[in-house]
Amino acid sequence: EDLVSALSTNLSLTGLNLSGNKLGDSG
C-alpha cells in the first residue's frame, strides 16, 4: 500500500519489478 501510494506521486518510473514477493491478490 505504501509503495503504491508513492507510485501515484512519482512521474519518472517507467519500469517496475516486483516478482517473487508475496503480494497475493490483494497486493
PDB file of all heavy atoms in Angstrom:
ATOM      1  N   GLU A   1       0.825  -1.211   0.000  1.00  0.00           N
ATOM      2  CA  GLU A   1       0.000   0.000   0.000  1.00  0.00           C
ATOM      3  C   GLU A   1       0.860   1.262   0.000  1.00  0.00           C
ATOM      4  O   GLU A   1       0.591   2.216  -0.731  1.00  0.00           O
ATOM      5  CB  GLU A   1      -0.932  -0.009   1.211  1.00  0.00           C
ATOM      6  CG  GLU A   1      -1.942   1.131   1.191  1.00  0.00           C
ATOM      7  CD  GLU A   1      -3.008   0.962   2.261  1.00  0.00           C
ATOM      8  OE1 GLU A   1      -2.991  -0.071   2.957  1.00  0.00           O
ATOM      9  OE2 GLU A   1      -3.853   1.865   2.379  1.00  0.00           O
ATOM     10  N   ASP A   2       1.925   1.261   0.824  1.00  0.00           N
ATOM     11  CA  ASP A   2       2.789   2.444   0.883  1.00  0.00           C
ATOM     12  C   ASP A   2       3.534   2.633  -0.426  1.00  0.00           C
ATOM     13  O   ASP A   2       3.698   3.749  -0.915  1.00  0.00           O
ATOM     14  CB  ASP A   2       3.781   2.299   2.039  1.00  0.00           C
ATOM     15  CG  ASP A   2       4.557   3.581   2.297  1.00  0.00           C
ATOM     16  OD1 ASP A   2       3.955   4.546   2.791  1.00  0.00           O
ATOM     17  OD2 ASP A   2       5.764   3.621   1.978  1.00  0.00           O
ATOM     18  N   LEU A   3       3.996   1.534  -1.027  1.00  0.00           N
ATOM     19  CA  LEU A   3       4.693   1.616  -2.306  1.00  0.00           C
ATOM     20  C   LEU A   3       3.771   2.162  -3.388  1.00  0.00           C
ATOM     21  O   LEU A   3       4.168   3.033  -4.175  1.00  0.00           O
ATOM     22  CB  LEU A   3       5.209   0.235  -2.701  1.00  0.00           C
ATOM     23  CG  LEU A   3       5.889   0.131  -4.069  1.00  0.00           C
ATOM     24  CD1 LEU A   3       7.127   1.002  -4.131  1.00  0.00           C
ATOM     25  CD2 LEU A   3       6.244  -1.325  -4.380  1.00  0.00           C
ATOM     26  N   VAL A   4       2.551   1.666  -3.431  1.00  0.00           N
ATOM     27  CA  VAL A   4       1.592   2.124  -4.439  1.00  0.00           C
ATOM     28  C   VAL A   4       1.276   3.598  -4.250  1.00  0.00           C
ATOM     29  O   VAL A   4       1.143   4.357  -5.220  1.00  0.00           O
ATOM     30  CB  VAL A   4       0.300   1.273  -4.379  1.00  0.00           C
ATOM     31  CG1 VAL A   4      -0.792   1.899  -5.226  1.00  0.00           C
ATOM     32  CG2 VAL A   4       0.594  -0.142  -4.841  1.00  0.00           C
ATOM     33  N   SER A   5       1.199   4.028  -2.989  1.00  0.00           N
ATOM     34  CA  SER A   5       0.976   5.439  -2.710  1.00  0.00           C
ATOM     35  C   SER A   5       2.107   6.288  -3.286  1.00  0.00           C
ATOM     36  O   SER A   5       1.879   7.353  -3.866  1.00  0.00           O
ATOM     37  CB  SER A   5       0.872   5.659  -1.197  1.00  0.00           C
ATOM     38  OG  SER A   5       0.839   7.035  -0.884  1.00  0.00           O
ATOM     39  N   ALA A   6       3.344   5.779  -3.159  1.00  0.00           N
ATOM     40  CA  ALA A   6       4.494   6.503  -3.711  1.00  0.00           C
ATOM     41  C   ALA A   6       4.438   6.518  -5.237  1.00  0.00           C
ATOM     42  O   ALA A   6       4.798   7.514  -5.870  1.00  0.00           O
ATOM     43  CB  ALA A   6       5.790   5.861  -3.232  1.00  0.00           C
ATOM     44  N   LEU A   7       3.989   5.402  -5.824  1.00  0.00           N
ATOM     45  CA  LEU A   7       3.894   5.342  -7.283  1.00  0.00           C
ATOM     46  C   LEU A   7       2.926   6.387  -7.825  1.00  0.00           C
ATOM     47  O   LEU A   7       3.112   6.923  -8.915  1.00  0.00           O
ATOM     48  CB  LEU A   7       3.436   3.951  -7.727  1.00  0.00           C
ATOM     49  CG  LEU A   7       4.396   2.784  -7.479  1.00  0.00           C
ATOM     50  CD1 LEU A   7       3.763   1.471  -7.931  1.00  0.00           C
ATOM     51  CD2 LEU A   7       5.724   2.999  -8.180  1.00  0.00           C
ATOM     52  N   SER A   8       1.897   6.672  -7.044  1.00  0.00           N
ATOM     53  CA  SER A   8       0.888   7.626  -7.514  1.00  0.00           C
ATOM     54  C   SER A   8       1.421   9.050  -7.563  1.00  0.00           C
ATOM     55  O   SER A   8       0.889   9.896  -8.285  1.00  0.00           O
ATOM     56  CB  SER A   8      -0.353   7.566  -6.603  1.00  0.00           C
ATOM     57  OG  SER A   8      -0.024   8.015  -5.296  1.00  0.00           O
ATOM     58  N   THR A   9       2.481   9.328  -6.808  1.00  0.00           N
ATOM     59  CA  THR A   9       3.060  10.678  -6.813  1.00  0.00           C
ATOM     60  C   THR A   9       4.300  10.769  -7.685  1.00  0.00           C
ATOM     61  O   THR A   9       4.759  11.862  -8.000  1.00  0.00           O
ATOM     62  CB  THR A   9       3.437  11.109  -5.381  1.00  0.00           C
ATOM     63  OG1 THR A   9       4.422  10.202  -4.859  1.00  0.00           O
ATOM     64  CG2 THR A   9       2.235  11.097  -4.464  1.00  0.00           C
ATOM     65  N   ASN A  10       4.846   9.600  -8.082  1.00  0.00           N
ATOM     66  CA  ASN A  10       6.076   9.591  -8.864  1.00  0.00           C
ATOM     67  C   ASN A  10       5.749   9.607 -10.359  1.00  0.00           C
ATOM     68  O   ASN A  10       4.916   8.840 -10.825  1.00  0.00           O
ATOM     69  CB  ASN A  10       6.896   8.333  -8.528  1.00  0.00           C
ATOM     70  CG  ASN A  10       8.182   8.255  -9.309  1.00  0.00           C
ATOM     71  OD1 ASN A  10       8.202   7.885 -10.474  1.00  0.00           O
ATOM     72  ND2 ASN A  10       9.277   8.624  -8.662  1.00  0.00           N
ATOM     73  N   LEU A  11       6.408  10.482 -11.077  1.00  0.00           N
ATOM     74  CA  LEU A  11       6.134  10.610 -12.502  1.00  0.00           C
ATOM     75  C   LEU A  11       7.323  10.201 -13.365  1.00  0.00           C
ATOM     76  O   LEU A  11       7.322  10.415 -14.577  1.00  0.00           O
ATOM     77  CB  LEU A  11       5.744  12.062 -12.821  1.00  0.00           C
ATOM     78  CG  LEU A  11       4.512  12.604 -12.089  1.00  0.00           C
ATOM     79  CD1 LEU A  11       4.235  14.026 -12.495  1.00  0.00           C
ATOM     80  CD2 LEU A  11       3.294  11.720 -12.361  1.00  0.00           C
ATOM     81  N   SER A  12       8.352   9.624 -12.732  1.00  0.00           N
ATOM     82  CA  SER A  12       9.545   9.266 -13.504  1.00  0.00           C
ATOM     83  C   SER A  12       9.633   7.771 -13.802  1.00  0.00           C
ATOM     84  O   SER A  12      10.284   7.363 -14.757  1.00  0.00           O
ATOM     85  CB  SER A  12      10.816   9.702 -12.755  1.00  0.00           C
ATOM     86  OG  SER A  12      10.931   9.004 -11.514  1.00  0.00           O
ATOM     87  N   LEU A  13       8.966   6.928 -13.009  1.00  0.00           N
ATOM     88  CA  LEU A  13       9.148   5.481 -13.109  1.00  0.00           C
ATOM     89  C   LEU A  13       8.536   4.912 -14.393  1.00  0.00           C
ATOM     90  O   LEU A  13       7.372   5.130 -14.682  1.00  0.00           O
ATOM     91  CB  LEU A  13       8.519   4.797 -11.893  1.00  0.00           C
ATOM     92  CG  LEU A  13       9.011   3.381 -11.585  1.00  0.00           C
ATOM     93  CD1 LEU A  13      10.466   3.427 -11.132  1.00  0.00           C
ATOM     94  CD2 LEU A  13       8.158   2.739 -10.514  1.00  0.00           C
ATOM     95  N   THR A  14       9.358   4.151 -15.136  1.00  0.00           N
ATOM     96  CA  THR A  14       8.863   3.502 -16.348  1.00  0.00           C
ATOM     97  C   THR A  14       8.955   1.976 -16.269  1.00  0.00           C
ATOM     98  O   THR A  14       8.306   1.281 -17.044  1.00  0.00           O
ATOM     99  CB  THR A  14       9.659   3.967 -17.585  1.00  0.00           C
ATOM    100  OG1 THR A  14      11.041   3.638 -17.402  1.00  0.00           O
ATOM    101  CG2 THR A  14       9.529   5.464 -17.790  1.00  0.00           C
ATOM    102  N   GLY A  15       9.779   1.457 -15.344  1.00  0.00           N
ATOM    103  CA  GLY A  15       9.919   0.016 -15.205  1.00  0.00           C
ATOM    104  C   GLY A  15       9.902  -0.404 -13.751  1.00  0.00           C
ATOM    105  O   GLY A  15      10.596   0.194 -12.930  1.00  0.00           O
ATOM    106  N   LEU A  16       9.117  -1.443 -13.404  1.00  0.00           N
ATOM    107  CA  LEU A  16       8.993  -1.885 -12.017  1.00  0.00           C
ATOM    108  C   LEU A  16       8.982  -3.412 -11.971  1.00  0.00           C
ATOM    109  O   LEU A  16       8.196  -4.055 -12.663  1.00  0.00           O
ATOM    110  CB  LEU A  16       7.705  -1.342 -11.400  1.00  0.00           C
ATOM    111  CG  LEU A  16       7.373  -1.761  -9.964  1.00  0.00           C
ATOM    112  CD1 LEU A  16       8.447  -1.264  -8.989  1.00  0.00           C
ATOM    113  CD2 LEU A  16       6.005  -1.237  -9.543  1.00  0.00           C
ATOM    114  N   ASN A  17       9.858  -3.971 -11.154  1.00  0.00           N
ATOM    115  CA  ASN A  17       9.926  -5.431 -10.989  1.00  0.00           C
ATOM    116  C   ASN A  17       9.605  -5.780  -9.541  1.00  0.00           C
ATOM    117  O   ASN A  17      10.370  -5.476  -8.634  1.00  0.00           O
ATOM    118  CB  ASN A  17      11.322  -5.942 -11.350  1.00  0.00           C
ATOM    119  CG  ASN A  17      11.383  -7.470 -11.391  1.00  0.00           C
ATOM    120  OD1 ASN A  17      10.524  -8.162 -10.859  1.00  0.00           O
ATOM    121  ND2 ASN A  17      12.416  -8.001 -12.015  1.00  0.00           N
ATOM    122  N   LEU A  18       8.460  -6.430  -9.335  1.00  0.00           N
ATOM    123  CA  LEU A  18       8.034  -6.871  -8.008  1.00  0.00           C
ATOM    124  C   LEU A  18       7.913  -8.394  -7.941  1.00  0.00           C
ATOM    125  O   LEU A  18       7.295  -8.925  -7.019  1.00  0.00           O
ATOM    126  CB  LEU A  18       6.683  -6.229  -7.648  1.00  0.00           C
ATOM    127  CG  LEU A  18       6.679  -4.709  -7.496  1.00  0.00           C
ATOM    128  CD1 LEU A  18       5.270  -4.203  -7.232  1.00  0.00           C
ATOM    129  CD2 LEU A  18       7.606  -4.268  -6.372  1.00  0.00           C
ATOM    130  N   SER A  19       8.493  -9.075  -8.883  1.00  0.00           N
ATOM    131  CA  SER A  19       8.396 -10.536  -8.920  1.00  0.00           C
ATOM    132  C   SER A  19       8.961 -11.158  -7.647  1.00  0.00           C
ATOM    133  O   SER A  19       9.833 -10.593  -6.992  1.00  0.00           O
ATOM    134  CB  SER A  19       9.161 -11.083 -10.126  1.00  0.00           C
ATOM    135  OG  SER A  19       8.596 -10.634 -11.326  1.00  0.00           O
ATOM    136  N   GLY A  20       8.431 -12.343  -7.313  1.00  0.00           N
ATOM    137  CA  GLY A  20       8.975 -13.084  -6.188  1.00  0.00           C
ATOM    138  C   GLY A  20       8.616 -12.535  -4.824  1.00  0.00           C
ATOM    139  O   GLY A  20       9.214 -12.927  -3.820  1.00  0.00           O
ATOM    140  N   ASN A  21       7.656 -11.644  -4.740  1.00  0.00           N
ATOM    141  CA  ASN A  21       7.172 -11.136  -3.452  1.00  0.00           C
ATOM    142  C   ASN A  21       5.772 -11.690  -3.177  1.00  0.00           C
ATOM    143  O   ASN A  21       4.996 -11.932  -4.100  1.00  0.00           O
ATOM    144  CB  ASN A  21       7.124  -9.599  -3.469  1.00  0.00           C
ATOM    145  CG  ASN A  21       8.499  -8.977  -3.520  1.00  0.00           C
ATOM    146  OD1 ASN A  21       9.275  -9.073  -2.568  1.00  0.00           O
ATOM    147  ND2 ASN A  21       8.833  -8.346  -4.644  1.00  0.00           N
ATOM    148  N   LYS A  22       5.448 -11.880  -1.916  1.00  0.00           N
ATOM    149  CA  LYS A  22       4.171 -12.492  -1.543  1.00  0.00           C
ATOM    150  C   LYS A  22       3.077 -11.422  -1.472  1.00  0.00           C
ATOM    151  O   LYS A  22       2.590 -11.054  -0.405  1.00  0.00           O
ATOM    152  CB  LYS A  22       4.310 -13.214  -0.206  1.00  0.00           C
ATOM    153  CG  LYS A  22       5.285 -14.393  -0.270  1.00  0.00           C
ATOM    154  CD  LYS A  22       5.432 -15.080   1.080  1.00  0.00           C
ATOM    155  CE  LYS A  22       6.416 -16.239   1.003  1.00  0.00           C
ATOM    156  NZ  LYS A  22       6.597 -16.906   2.313  1.00  0.00           N
ATOM    157  N   LEU A  23       2.701 -10.937  -2.641  1.00  0.00           N
ATOM    158  CA  LEU A  23       1.694  -9.877  -2.687  1.00  0.00           C
ATOM    159  C   LEU A  23       0.280 -10.429  -2.596  1.00  0.00           C
ATOM    160  O   LEU A  23      -0.600  -9.806  -1.994  1.00  0.00           O
ATOM    161  CB  LEU A  23       1.849  -9.079  -3.981  1.00  0.00           C
ATOM    162  CG  LEU A  23       3.207  -8.386  -4.193  1.00  0.00           C
ATOM    163  CD1 LEU A  23       3.203  -7.644  -5.524  1.00  0.00           C
ATOM    164  CD2 LEU A  23       3.510  -7.436  -3.055  1.00  0.00           C
ATOM    165  N   GLY A  24       0.048 -11.580  -3.208  1.00  0.00           N
ATOM    166  CA  GLY A  24      -1.304 -12.131  -3.225  1.00  0.00           C
ATOM    167  C   GLY A  24      -2.226 -11.286  -4.083  1.00  0.00           C
ATOM    168  O   GLY A  24      -1.844 -10.252  -4.637  1.00  0.00           O
ATOM    169  N   ASP A  25      -3.469 -11.728  -4.171  1.00  0.00           N
ATOM    170  CA  ASP A  25      -4.435 -10.994  -4.992  1.00  0.00           C
ATOM    171  C   ASP A  25      -4.623  -9.564  -4.516  1.00  0.00           C
ATOM    172  O   ASP A  25      -4.715  -8.634  -5.322  1.00  0.00           O
ATOM    173  CB  ASP A  25      -5.796 -11.715  -4.962  1.00  0.00           C
ATOM    174  CG  ASP A  25      -5.757 -13.015  -5.759  1.00  0.00           C
ATOM    175  OD1 ASP A  25      -4.891 -13.126  -6.641  1.00  0.00           O
ATOM    176  OD2 ASP A  25      -6.586 -13.899  -5.486  1.00  0.00           O
ATOM    177  N   SER A  26      -4.661  -9.355  -3.187  1.00  0.00           N
ATOM    178  CA  SER A  26      -4.907  -8.019  -2.659  1.00  0.00           C
ATOM    179  C   SER A  26      -3.744  -7.073  -2.963  1.00  0.00           C
ATOM    180  O   SER A  26      -3.949  -5.913  -3.341  1.00  0.00           O
ATOM    181  CB  SER A  26      -5.153  -8.076  -1.146  1.00  0.00           C
ATOM    182  OG  SER A  26      -4.050  -8.680  -0.482  1.00  0.00           O
ATOM    183  N   GLY A  27      -2.517  -7.574  -2.823  1.00  0.00           N
ATOM    184  CA  GLY A  27      -1.359  -6.729  -3.105  1.00  0.00           C
ATOM    185  C   GLY A  27      -1.252  -6.390  -4.580  1.00  0.00           C
ATOM    186  O   GLY A  27      -0.950  -5.247  -4.943  1.00  0.00           O
TER     187      GLY A  27
END
